[in-house]
Amino acid sequence: MEMGKKAIRYAVVDAFATEPFKGNPAAVCLLEDDNAADERWMQSVATEFNLSETAFLVRDFSRRASAAPLFHLRWFTPVTEVDLCGHATLASAHFLFTAVLPEHGMIEFMTKSGILTAKKVPPPGGAGEAHGKLFIELNFPMIDFLGCNEMPSIPETLNGAPVVSVHKSAADGDLIVELSSAQEVADILPNIDEIKKLSCGGIMVTGPAPAGSGYDFFTRLFCPKFGMDEVIPFPSPKSCNVVHVAL
């Protein structure tokens, strides 16, 4: 990739997956100078990639050498900039740990949502389960969710599934709609025009995973206003603010 006549280093990383072409892809662009790219250029690049998120990194060399490396991080969908993105942060950390700063065990990101951290951690259950994978722990800000009496008017999208509860993000008003089972979540037939009419930016539909599946819950996320009809979301901050991921 080039910006003017200067080449830009970039990668596309499949987050939440151990095989190529699965998981949730994000583009990661490493810039040399925070002033080298304006917002219009970054938005154009994100639109060209046409992935759910494109991350832009610029290293901050002002801190002392003994401290964890610090990078300015911004996220863009194909149509707009967002304040927080989990899978693109994971993709950025993986790219830095494997291709830029493999000697470091921790990296910090300065973002519109505050300082986020990523660090290498031992594999859960002992080294025998690692199989050469890199395990990364992300620490994100906790987001409060409030009870919501207003049921979303999206009957076609929910495909007749009964709603257990609805919660609203205290930060941006996005909705979390809880269904009674993972199968109901999987059976959703999204009506994107319906979802676009909601007052919130996005809607997350979730339900408990079946016993023995190895998962806690299934989730689907719809954000057509941000140019993403459906994306694979970052694990809900309602439940935790530290997430372990293997790549």
Protein backbone atom coordinates (compact mmCIF):
# COMPACT_ATOMS: atom_id res chain seq x y z
CA MET A 1 0.00 0.00 0.00
CA GLU A 2 1.21 3.51 -0.74
CA MET A 3 0.42 6.88 0.78
CA GLY A 4 1.69 9.38 -1.74
CA LYS A 5 5.03 7.82 -2.64
CA LYS A 6 5.64 6.21 0.76
CA ALA A 7 4.89 2.51 1.22
CA ILE A 8 2.66 1.58 4.16
CA ARG A 9 3.16 -1.73 5.96
CA TYR A 10 -0.08 -3.59 6.51
CA ALA A 11 -1.57 -7.02 7.19
CA VAL A 12 -4.97 -8.68 7.24
CA VAL A 13 -5.48 -10.84 10.34
CA ASP A 14 -8.29 -13.36 10.96
CA ALA A 15 -9.15 -12.83 14.64
CA PHE A 16 -10.76 -15.54 16.79
CA ALA A 17 -9.58 -18.31 14.44
CA THR A 18 -6.78 -20.85 14.13
CA GLU A 19 -7.18 -21.40 10.40
CA PRO A 20 -6.93 -19.01 7.42
CA PHE A 21 -10.12 -17.49 5.99
CA LYS A 22 -12.13 -18.04 9.16
CA GLY A 23 -12.88 -15.90 12.20
CA ASN A 24 -13.31 -12.14 11.90
CA PRO A 25 -10.84 -10.39 9.57
CA ALA A 26 -9.39 -6.96 10.26
CA ALA A 27 -6.83 -4.94 8.34
CA VAL A 28 -3.93 -3.43 10.31
CA CYS A 29 -1.90 -0.53 8.91
CA LEU A 30 1.37 0.57 10.55
CA LEU A 31 2.09 4.25 9.91
CA GLU A 32 5.38 6.02 10.56
CA ASP A 33 3.99 9.41 11.50
CA ASP A 34 0.74 10.36 13.26
CA ASN A 35 0.49 13.42 11.01
CA ALA A 36 1.23 11.52 7.81
CA ALA A 37 -2.34 10.35 7.22
CA ASP A 38 -5.45 12.45 7.62
CA GLU A 39 -8.90 11.09 8.46
CA ARG A 40 -10.09 11.24 4.86
CA TRP A 41 -7.16 9.07 3.74
CA MET A 42 -7.71 6.55 6.56
CA GLN A 43 -11.43 6.38 5.79
CA SER A 44 -10.67 5.84 2.11
CA VAL A 45 -8.30 3.00 2.97
CA ALA A 46 -10.91 1.38 5.24
CA THR A 47 -13.51 1.70 2.49
CA GLU A 48 -11.09 0.08 0.03
CA PHE A 49 -10.41 -2.86 2.37
CA ASN A 50 -14.18 -3.17 2.93
CA LEU A 51 -13.69 -5.23 6.09
CA SER A 52 -15.69 -4.70 9.27
CA GLU A 53 -12.71 -2.82 10.77
CA THR A 54 -9.39 -1.37 9.65
CA ALA A 55 -6.91 -0.41 12.39
CA PHE A 56 -4.26 2.29 12.05
CA LEU A 57 -1.20 2.20 14.32
CA VAL A 58 1.43 4.85 15.02
CA ARG A 59 4.19 4.22 17.55
CA ASP A 60 4.76 6.79 20.31
CA PHE A 61 8.52 7.02 20.93
CA SER A 62 8.24 9.56 23.74
CA ARG A 63 8.20 7.04 26.60
CA ARG A 64 11.34 5.53 28.10
CA ALA A 65 12.89 2.47 26.50
CA SER A 66 12.22 0.23 29.53
CA ALA A 67 8.45 0.80 29.38
CA ALA A 68 6.01 -1.21 27.28
CA PRO A 69 5.81 0.03 23.68
CA LEU A 70 2.94 2.48 23.15
CA PHE A 71 0.96 2.86 19.93
CA HIS A 72 -1.78 5.27 18.95
CA LEU A 73 -4.65 3.17 17.61
CA ARG A 74 -7.70 4.19 15.60
CA TRP A 75 -10.43 2.02 14.07
CA PHE A 76 -12.48 2.64 10.93
CA THR A 77 -15.39 0.70 9.43
CA PRO A 78 -16.02 1.06 5.68
CA VAL A 79 -18.12 4.17 6.40
CA THR A 80 -17.03 5.77 9.71
CA GLU A 81 -14.58 5.87 12.62
CA VAL A 82 -15.54 4.07 15.85
CA ASP A 83 -14.42 4.57 19.44
CA LEU A 84 -13.71 0.92 20.33
CA CYS A 85 -13.21 -2.37 18.51
CA GLY A 86 -12.12 -5.63 20.08
CA HIS A 87 -11.23 -7.90 17.18
CA ALA A 88 -9.21 -5.21 15.35
CA THR A 89 -7.27 -4.55 18.57
CA LEU A 90 -6.54 -8.25 18.84
CA ALA A 91 -5.43 -8.25 15.19
CA SER A 92 -3.18 -5.26 15.87
CA ALA A 93 -1.59 -6.95 18.90
CA HIS A 94 -0.99 -10.16 16.96
CA PHE A 95 0.61 -8.26 14.08
CA LEU A 96 2.92 -6.33 16.43
CA PHE A 97 3.87 -9.36 18.54
CA THR A 98 4.66 -11.54 15.53
CA ALA A 99 6.00 -9.16 12.87
CA VAL A 100 7.18 -5.94 14.52
CA LEU A 101 8.12 -6.40 18.20
CA PRO A 102 8.44 -10.15 18.85
CA GLU A 103 10.85 -9.52 21.75
CA HIS A 104 8.21 -7.67 23.79
CA GLY A 105 5.62 -9.33 26.01
CA MET A 106 3.27 -6.37 26.48
CA ILE A 107 1.99 -3.51 24.31
CA GLU A 108 -0.21 -0.55 25.18
CA PHE A 109 -2.62 1.27 22.86
CA MET A 110 -3.69 4.89 23.25
CA THR A 111 -7.25 5.15 21.91
CA LYS A 112 -10.43 7.24 22.09
CA SER A 113 -11.59 4.80 24.78
CA GLY A 114 -8.47 5.19 26.92
CA ILE A 115 -5.37 3.04 27.33
CA LEU A 116 -5.84 -0.60 26.26
CA THR A 117 -3.29 -3.31 26.94
CA ALA A 118 -2.30 -6.53 25.19
CA LYS A 119 0.16 -9.04 26.61
CA LYS A 120 1.42 -12.52 25.87
CA VAL A 121 0.22 -15.10 28.39
CA PRO A 122 0.84 -18.82 28.98
CA PRO A 123 -1.69 -21.17 27.41
CA PRO A 124 -4.53 -22.27 29.71
CA GLY A 125 -4.20 -25.79 31.06
CA GLY A 126 -0.43 -26.01 30.66
CA ALA A 127 2.10 -25.74 27.88
CA GLY A 128 1.02 -29.06 26.37
CA GLU A 129 -2.06 -27.42 24.89
CA ALA A 130 -0.26 -24.57 23.19
CA HIS A 131 0.80 -26.33 19.96
CA GLY A 132 2.91 -23.31 19.10
CA LYS A 133 0.04 -20.83 19.33
CA LEU A 134 0.39 -17.30 20.61
CA PHE A 135 -1.99 -16.53 23.49
CA ILE A 136 -2.88 -12.87 24.00
CA GLU A 137 -4.71 -11.25 26.91
CA LEU A 138 -6.59 -8.02 26.21
CA ASN A 139 -7.68 -5.63 28.94
CA PHE A 140 -10.59 -3.38 27.96
CA PRO A 141 -12.73 -0.81 29.78
CA MET A 142 -15.89 -2.10 31.42
CA ILE A 143 -19.10 -0.85 29.81
CA ASP A 144 -22.26 -0.65 31.90
CA PHE A 145 -25.52 -2.02 30.52
CA LEU A 146 -28.93 -0.91 31.77
CA GLY A 147 -32.25 -2.71 31.83
CA CYS A 148 -34.50 -1.58 28.99
CA ASN A 149 -38.31 -1.79 28.95
CA GLU A 150 -38.46 -0.75 25.32
CA MET A 151 -38.67 -3.91 23.22
CA PRO A 152 -37.04 -3.46 19.83
CA SER A 153 -39.53 -3.45 16.99
CA ILE A 154 -37.79 -5.98 14.77
CA PRO A 155 -40.27 -8.88 14.41
CA GLU A 156 -38.96 -10.20 11.08
CA THR A 157 -35.35 -10.18 12.25
CA LEU A 158 -36.13 -12.20 15.38
CA ASN A 159 -38.06 -14.74 13.30
CA GLY A 160 -40.70 -15.18 16.00
CA ALA A 161 -38.23 -15.96 18.80
CA PRO A 162 -39.43 -14.85 22.28
CA VAL A 163 -37.28 -12.20 23.94
CA VAL A 164 -35.97 -12.96 27.45
CA SER A 165 -34.56 -9.49 28.19
CA VAL A 166 -33.29 -6.32 26.56
CA HIS A 167 -30.36 -4.25 27.83
CA LYS A 168 -29.06 -0.93 26.59
CA SER A 169 -25.45 0.26 26.63
CA ALA A 170 -25.01 3.22 28.95
CA ALA A 171 -22.27 4.50 26.64
CA ASP A 172 -23.91 4.60 23.22
CA GLY A 173 -27.43 3.17 23.58
CA ASP A 174 -26.75 0.01 21.58
CA LEU A 175 -29.06 -2.90 22.41
CA ILE A 176 -28.38 -6.42 23.67
CA VAL A 177 -31.37 -8.69 23.07
CA GLU A 178 -31.31 -11.98 24.97
CA LEU A 179 -33.07 -15.01 23.51
CA SER A 180 -33.66 -18.32 25.31
CA SER A 181 -31.31 -20.50 23.25
CA ALA A 182 -28.35 -20.48 20.91
CA GLN A 183 -30.48 -22.17 18.25
CA GLU A 184 -32.83 -19.19 18.23
CA VAL A 185 -29.83 -16.92 17.74
CA ALA A 186 -28.59 -19.06 14.86
CA ASP A 187 -32.05 -19.04 13.24
CA ILE A 188 -32.32 -15.25 13.09
CA LEU A 189 -33.16 -13.98 9.62
CA PRO A 190 -31.91 -10.39 9.75
CA ASN A 191 -34.01 -7.74 8.07
CA ILE A 192 -31.37 -5.06 7.60
CA ASP A 193 -33.93 -2.38 6.71
CA GLU A 194 -35.69 -3.05 10.03
CA ILE A 195 -32.45 -2.78 11.98
CA LYS A 196 -31.48 0.45 10.23
CA LYS A 197 -34.67 2.07 11.57
CA LEU A 198 -33.68 1.46 15.21
CA SER A 199 -32.57 4.54 17.13
CA CYS A 200 -29.39 2.79 18.28
CA GLY A 201 -26.27 2.22 16.21
CA GLY A 202 -26.26 -1.56 16.52
CA ILE A 203 -28.04 -4.55 18.02
CA MET A 204 -26.47 -7.64 19.57
CA VAL A 205 -28.60 -10.79 19.85
CA THR A 206 -27.38 -13.46 22.23
CA GLY A 207 -28.46 -16.69 23.91
CA PRO A 208 -26.98 -19.45 26.12
CA ALA A 209 -24.86 -22.04 24.33
CA PRO A 210 -25.95 -25.70 24.45
CA ALA A 211 -24.46 -27.91 27.14
CA GLY A 212 -21.22 -29.58 26.12
CA SER A 213 -20.49 -27.12 23.31
CA GLY A 214 -17.51 -25.62 25.12
CA TYR A 215 -18.98 -22.12 24.85
CA ASP A 216 -20.90 -19.90 27.27
CA PHE A 217 -23.13 -18.10 24.77
CA PHE A 218 -23.78 -17.54 21.06
CA THR A 219 -23.94 -13.98 19.75
CA ARG A 220 -24.72 -12.21 16.50
CA LEU A 221 -24.11 -8.50 15.95
CA PHE A 222 -25.82 -6.26 13.39
CA CYS A 223 -24.51 -2.73 12.65
CA PRO A 224 -25.79 -1.67 9.21
CA LYS A 225 -25.48 2.03 10.11
CA PHE A 226 -21.71 1.50 10.36
CA GLY A 227 -21.52 -0.27 7.01
CA MET A 228 -21.55 -3.74 8.59
CA ASP A 229 -24.79 -5.65 8.13
CA GLU A 230 -23.50 -8.45 10.36
CA VAL A 231 -20.14 -8.85 12.09
CA ILE A 232 -18.60 -11.27 14.56
CA PRO A 233 -18.46 -9.22 17.79
CA PHE A 234 -15.89 -8.96 20.51
CA PRO A 235 -16.99 -10.92 23.63
CA SER A 236 -19.53 -8.90 25.58
CA PRO A 237 -18.02 -6.44 28.07
CA LYS A 238 -21.10 -7.09 30.20
CA SER A 239 -19.49 -10.29 31.44
CA CYS A 240 -15.79 -9.45 31.73
CA ASN A 241 -13.11 -6.94 30.90
CA VAL A 242 -10.20 -9.34 30.40
CA VAL A 243 -10.30 -11.73 27.47
CA HIS A 244 -7.84 -14.54 26.63
CA VAL A 245 -7.50 -15.34 22.94
CA ALA A 246 -5.40 -17.90 21.09
CA LEU A 247 -4.16 -17.30 17.56
